[in-house]
Amino acid sequence: MKPVAQRRSILKRLFTSVAGLAGINTIAHAGSRTGSPQPDAAPEKEAFTITTDEGVPLFSGSTKMGNFVFVAGKGYHKEGDIRVHTDEVLKELEKELVKAGSSMEKVLKVNVYLHDLNDYKAMNEVYRGRFGSKPPVRTTVAVYGGVPGDSLVEMDCIAYI
């Protein structure tokens, strides 16, 4: 199967699985469902979890379900321009993906949240090529009020394993 067709197939399975978990009726194409998560299967939790002061989990760095890994938003909260922030955020995404058994080449979807839309071109210069020759689908928005923690950019992603 060609990489583009493989990604489409994986995305279709992902959305069908997520819709099924949410109780939304879907019509799926007949075919192989090898590796698809069971509707009642609980997601695997990674060891890395952010907790509040009260010790209650706030969110996980990533969560696995079936053959998919969902990586939480990563930001960079130190000095630097958009190029530095983008590079560091992409490095953090890659670390989380590798830890979960995936890679940048297996990313299907990326969400990019910019502090300032004027940084779009410079962010793209650093982003380009980081996901291999077949980049994932992407949504990029400027966030009203800025990205939390004074990061100039935040990114999250969905990948397969």
C-alpha atoms as a PDB file:
ATOM      1  CA  MET A   1       0.000   0.000   0.000  1.00  0.00           C
ATOM      2  CA  LYS A   2       1.338   3.452  -0.887  1.00  0.00           C
ATOM      3  CA  PRO A   3       2.171   5.765   2.067  1.00  0.00           C
ATOM      4  CA  VAL A   4      -0.647   8.214   1.215  1.00  0.00           C
ATOM      5  CA  ALA A   5      -3.207   5.406   0.897  1.00  0.00           C
ATOM      6  CA  GLN A   6      -1.880   3.864   4.117  1.00  0.00           C
ATOM      7  CA  ARG A   7      -2.329   7.166   5.982  1.00  0.00           C
ATOM      8  CA  ARG A   8      -5.875   7.548   4.604  1.00  0.00           C
ATOM      9  CA  SER A   9      -6.718   4.018   5.691  1.00  0.00           C
ATOM     10  CA  ILE A  10      -5.304   4.649   9.157  1.00  0.00           C
ATOM     11  CA  LEU A  11      -7.181   7.962   9.466  1.00  0.00           C
ATOM     12  CA  LYS A  12     -10.451   6.278   8.453  1.00  0.00           C
ATOM     13  CA  ARG A  13      -9.935   3.579  11.106  1.00  0.00           C
ATOM     14  CA  LEU A  14      -9.036   6.235  13.690  1.00  0.00           C
ATOM     15  CA  PHE A  15     -12.120   8.341  13.070  1.00  0.00           C
ATOM     16  CA  THR A  16     -14.368   5.286  12.940  1.00  0.00           C
ATOM     17  CA  SER A  17     -12.922   4.076  16.252  1.00  0.00           C
ATOM     18  CA  VAL A  18     -13.216   7.471  17.940  1.00  0.00           C
ATOM     19  CA  ALA A  19     -16.767   7.932  16.655  1.00  0.00           C
ATOM     20  CA  GLY A  20     -17.661   4.469  17.953  1.00  0.00           C
ATOM     21  CA  LEU A  21     -16.226   5.266  21.379  1.00  0.00           C
ATOM     22  CA  ALA A  22     -18.235   8.483  21.452  1.00  0.00           C
ATOM     23  CA  GLY A  23     -21.427   6.568  20.660  1.00  0.00           C
ATOM     24  CA  ILE A  24     -21.790   8.080  17.198  1.00  0.00           C
ATOM     25  CA  ASN A  25     -23.281   5.745  14.600  1.00  0.00           C
ATOM     26  CA  THR A  26     -20.911   5.240  11.692  1.00  0.00           C
ATOM     27  CA  ILE A  27     -20.857   3.262   8.485  1.00  0.00           C
ATOM     28  CA  ALA A  28     -17.524   1.576   7.935  1.00  0.00           C
ATOM     29  CA  HIS A  29     -16.205  -0.060   4.804  1.00  0.00           C
ATOM     30  CA  ALA A  30     -15.845  -3.820   4.965  1.00  0.00           C
ATOM     31  CA  GLY A  31     -12.247  -4.898   5.165  1.00  0.00           C
ATOM     32  CA  SER A  32      -9.474  -5.815   7.497  1.00  0.00           C
ATOM     33  CA  ARG A  33      -9.851  -4.487  11.024  1.00  0.00           C
ATOM     34  CA  THR A  34      -6.593  -5.969  12.243  1.00  0.00           C
ATOM     35  CA  GLY A  35      -5.121  -3.763  14.909  1.00  0.00           C
ATOM     36  CA  SER A  36      -8.265  -1.659  15.374  1.00  0.00           C
ATOM     37  CA  PRO A  37      -9.108  -0.925  18.988  1.00  0.00           C
ATOM     38  CA  GLN A  38     -12.122  -2.588  20.511  1.00  0.00           C
ATOM     39  CA  PRO A  39     -14.897  -0.057  21.301  1.00  0.00           C
ATOM     40  CA  ASP A  40     -14.832  -0.974  24.995  1.00  0.00           C
ATOM     41  CA  ALA A  41     -11.033  -1.118  25.288  1.00  0.00           C
ATOM     42  CA  ALA A  42      -9.547   1.380  27.737  1.00  0.00           C
ATOM     43  CA  PRO A  43      -6.678   3.542  26.489  1.00  0.00           C
ATOM     44  CA  GLU A  44      -3.195   2.646  27.700  1.00  0.00           C
ATOM     45  CA  LYS A  45      -1.767   5.353  29.957  1.00  0.00           C
ATOM     46  CA  GLU A  46       1.885   6.259  29.818  1.00  0.00           C
ATOM     47  CA  ALA A  47       3.941   6.660  32.983  1.00  0.00           C
ATOM     48  CA  PHE A  48       4.357  10.412  32.428  1.00  0.00           C
ATOM     49  CA  THR A  49       1.406  12.307  33.911  1.00  0.00           C
ATOM     50  CA  ILE A  50       1.087  15.970  34.887  1.00  0.00           C
ATOM     51  CA  THR A  51      -0.538  16.387  38.302  1.00  0.00           C
ATOM     52  CA  THR A  52      -2.069  19.297  40.149  1.00  0.00           C
ATOM     53  CA  ASP A  53      -0.911  20.531  43.562  1.00  0.00           C
ATOM     54  CA  GLU A  54      -3.537  18.243  45.106  1.00  0.00           C
ATOM     55  CA  GLY A  55      -1.958  15.185  43.410  1.00  0.00           C
ATOM     56  CA  VAL A  56      -4.890  14.741  41.021  1.00  0.00           C
ATOM     57  CA  PRO A  57      -3.839  13.946  37.425  1.00  0.00           C
ATOM     58  CA  LEU A  58      -4.368  16.880  35.092  1.00  0.00           C
ATOM     59  CA  PHE A  59      -3.245  15.274  31.828  1.00  0.00           C
ATOM     60  CA  SER A  60      -0.866  12.679  30.392  1.00  0.00           C
ATOM     61  CA  GLY A  61       2.064  13.362  28.076  1.00  0.00           C
ATOM     62  CA  SER A  62       0.607  10.785  25.698  1.00  0.00           C
ATOM     63  CA  THR A  63      -2.082   8.155  25.583  1.00  0.00           C
ATOM     64  CA  LYS A  64      -2.226   5.032  23.434  1.00  0.00           C
ATOM     65  CA  MET A  65      -5.327   3.367  22.056  1.00  0.00           C
ATOM     66  CA  GLY A  66      -4.973   0.402  19.760  1.00  0.00           C
ATOM     67  CA  ASN A  67      -2.375   1.302  17.142  1.00  0.00           C
ATOM     68  CA  PHE A  68      -2.582   5.034  17.819  1.00  0.00           C
ATOM     69  CA  VAL A  69      -0.739   7.415  20.107  1.00  0.00           C
ATOM     70  CA  PHE A  70      -2.139  10.833  21.015  1.00  0.00           C
ATOM     71  CA  VAL A  71       0.546  13.270  22.169  1.00  0.00           C
ATOM     72  CA  ALA A  72      -0.441  16.201  24.383  1.00  0.00           C
ATOM     73  CA  GLY A  73       0.485  19.749  23.465  1.00  0.00           C
ATOM     74  CA  LYS A  74       4.161  20.599  23.858  1.00  0.00           C
ATOM     75  CA  GLY A  75       5.450  24.123  24.336  1.00  0.00           C
ATOM     76  CA  TYR A  76       8.822  25.708  25.048  1.00  0.00           C
ATOM     77  CA  HIS A  77       8.896  28.015  28.052  1.00  0.00           C
ATOM     78  CA  LYS A  78      12.338  29.587  27.850  1.00  0.00           C
ATOM     79  CA  GLU A  79      13.972  32.483  26.005  1.00  0.00           C
ATOM     80  CA  GLY A  80      14.250  32.387  22.235  1.00  0.00           C
ATOM     81  CA  ASP A  81      12.556  33.393  19.016  1.00  0.00           C
ATOM     82  CA  ILE A  82       9.929  31.388  17.105  1.00  0.00           C
ATOM     83  CA  ARG A  83      12.615  29.318  15.363  1.00  0.00           C
ATOM     84  CA  VAL A  84      14.117  28.208  18.687  1.00  0.00           C
ATOM     85  CA  HIS A  85      10.676  27.507  20.167  1.00  0.00           C
ATOM     86  CA  THR A  86       9.550  25.517  17.100  1.00  0.00           C
ATOM     87  CA  ASP A  87      12.729  23.432  17.059  1.00  0.00           C
ATOM     88  CA  GLU A  88      12.457  22.610  20.782  1.00  0.00           C
ATOM     89  CA  VAL A  89       8.743  21.767  20.535  1.00  0.00           C
ATOM     90  CA  LEU A  90       9.385  19.403  17.612  1.00  0.00           C
ATOM     91  CA  LYS A  91      12.191  17.718  19.578  1.00  0.00           C
ATOM     92  CA  GLU A  92       9.801  17.204  22.515  1.00  0.00           C
ATOM     93  CA  LEU A  93       7.111  15.747  20.223  1.00  0.00           C
ATOM     94  CA  GLU A  94       9.685  13.354  18.797  1.00  0.00           C
ATOM     95  CA  LYS A  95      10.842  12.237  22.271  1.00  0.00           C
ATOM     96  CA  GLU A  96       7.240  11.516  23.296  1.00  0.00           C
ATOM     97  CA  LEU A  97       6.546   9.610  20.064  1.00  0.00           C
ATOM     98  CA  VAL A  98       9.675   7.452  20.415  1.00  0.00           C
ATOM     99  CA  LYS A  99       8.817   6.725  24.053  1.00  0.00           C
ATOM    100  CA  ALA A 100       5.380   5.534  22.880  1.00  0.00           C
ATOM    101  CA  GLY A 101       6.867   3.308  20.144  1.00  0.00           C
ATOM    102  CA  SER A 102       6.199   5.594  17.173  1.00  0.00           C
ATOM    103  CA  SER A 103       8.163   8.178  15.173  1.00  0.00           C
ATOM    104  CA  MET A 104       7.854  11.500  13.372  1.00  0.00           C
ATOM    105  CA  GLU A 105       7.358   9.636  10.068  1.00  0.00           C
ATOM    106  CA  LYS A 106       4.213   7.968  11.497  1.00  0.00           C
ATOM    107  CA  VAL A 107       2.458  11.192  12.493  1.00  0.00           C
ATOM    108  CA  LEU A 108      -0.963  11.544  10.867  1.00  0.00           C
ATOM    109  CA  LYS A 109      -2.184  14.888  12.250  1.00  0.00           C
ATOM    110  CA  VAL A 110      -0.547  17.913  13.879  1.00  0.00           C
ATOM    111  CA  ASN A 111      -2.205  20.911  15.502  1.00  0.00           C
ATOM    112  CA  VAL A 112      -0.044  24.045  15.715  1.00  0.00           C
ATOM    113  CA  TYR A 113      -1.003  26.899  18.031  1.00  0.00           C
ATOM    114  CA  LEU A 114       0.901  30.141  17.445  1.00  0.00           C
ATOM    115  CA  HIS A 115       1.172  33.047  19.856  1.00  0.00           C
ATOM    116  CA  ASP A 116       1.384  35.389  16.863  1.00  0.00           C
ATOM    117  CA  LEU A 117       0.247  34.617  13.319  1.00  0.00           C
ATOM    118  CA  ASN A 118       3.145  36.751  12.031  1.00  0.00           C
ATOM    119  CA  ASP A 119       5.419  33.857  13.115  1.00  0.00           C
ATOM    120  CA  TYR A 120       3.772  31.488  10.600  1.00  0.00           C
ATOM    121  CA  LYS A 121       6.495  31.725   7.927  1.00  0.00           C
ATOM    122  CA  ALA A 122       9.415  31.294  10.350  1.00  0.00           C
ATOM    123  CA  MET A 123       7.656  28.382  12.099  1.00  0.00           C
ATOM    124  CA  ASN A 124       7.176  26.689   8.709  1.00  0.00           C
ATOM    125  CA  GLU A 125      10.873  27.063   7.895  1.00  0.00           C
ATOM    126  CA  VAL A 126      11.778  24.982  10.964  1.00  0.00           C
ATOM    127  CA  TYR A 127       8.787  22.601  10.661  1.00  0.00           C
ATOM    128  CA  ARG A 128       9.446  21.696   6.991  1.00  0.00           C
ATOM    129  CA  GLY A 129      10.971  18.232   6.555  1.00  0.00           C
ATOM    130  CA  ARG A 130      10.730  17.172  10.203  1.00  0.00           C
ATOM    131  CA  PHE A 131       8.077  14.525   9.450  1.00  0.00           C
ATOM    132  CA  GLY A 132       9.763  12.858   6.481  1.00  0.00           C
ATOM    133  CA  SER A 133       8.872  13.187   2.812  1.00  0.00           C
ATOM    134  CA  LYS A 134       5.118  12.725   3.384  1.00  0.00           C
ATOM    135  CA  PRO A 135       4.106  15.344   5.977  1.00  0.00           C
ATOM    136  CA  PRO A 136       0.983  14.822   8.076  1.00  0.00           C
ATOM    137  CA  VAL A 137      -2.191  16.867   7.765  1.00  0.00           C
ATOM    138  CA  ARG A 138      -1.981  20.004   9.861  1.00  0.00           C
ATOM    139  CA  THR A 139      -4.104  22.741  11.350  1.00  0.00           C
ATOM    140  CA  THR A 140      -2.411  26.001  12.344  1.00  0.00           C
ATOM    141  CA  VAL A 141      -4.126  28.744  14.313  1.00  0.00           C
ATOM    142  CA  ALA A 142      -3.123  31.864  16.195  1.00  0.00           C
ATOM    143  CA  VAL A 143      -4.379  31.704  19.772  1.00  0.00           C
ATOM    144  CA  TYR A 144      -6.218  34.700  21.166  1.00  0.00           C
ATOM    145  CA  GLY A 145      -4.449  35.685  24.388  1.00  0.00           C
ATOM    146  CA  GLY A 146      -1.340  33.669  23.523  1.00  0.00           C
ATOM    147  CA  VAL A 147      -0.158  30.140  24.153  1.00  0.00           C
ATOM    148  CA  PRO A 148      -0.110  29.129  27.856  1.00  0.00           C
ATOM    149  CA  GLY A 149       3.212  29.437  29.668  1.00  0.00           C
ATOM    150  CA  ASP A 150       4.625  32.153  27.397  1.00  0.00           C
ATOM    151  CA  SER A 151       5.563  29.677  24.673  1.00  0.00           C
ATOM    152  CA  LEU A 152       5.518  31.155  21.169  1.00  0.00           C
ATOM    153  CA  VAL A 153       4.189  27.878  19.741  1.00  0.00           C
ATOM    154  CA  GLU A 154       2.516  24.717  21.012  1.00  0.00           C
ATOM    155  CA  MET A 155       1.954  21.507  19.049  1.00  0.00           C
ATOM    156  CA  ASP A 156       0.123  18.245  19.615  1.00  0.00           C
ATOM    157  CA  CYS A 157      -0.202  15.248  17.317  1.00  0.00           C
ATOM    158  CA  ILE A 158      -1.768  11.898  16.529  1.00  0.00           C
ATOM    159  CA  ALA A 159       0.425   9.087  15.175  1.00  0.00           C
ATOM    160  CA  TYR A 160       0.248   5.360  14.577  1.00  0.00           C
ATOM    161  CA  ILE A 161       2.505   2.737  16.099  1.00  0.00           C
END
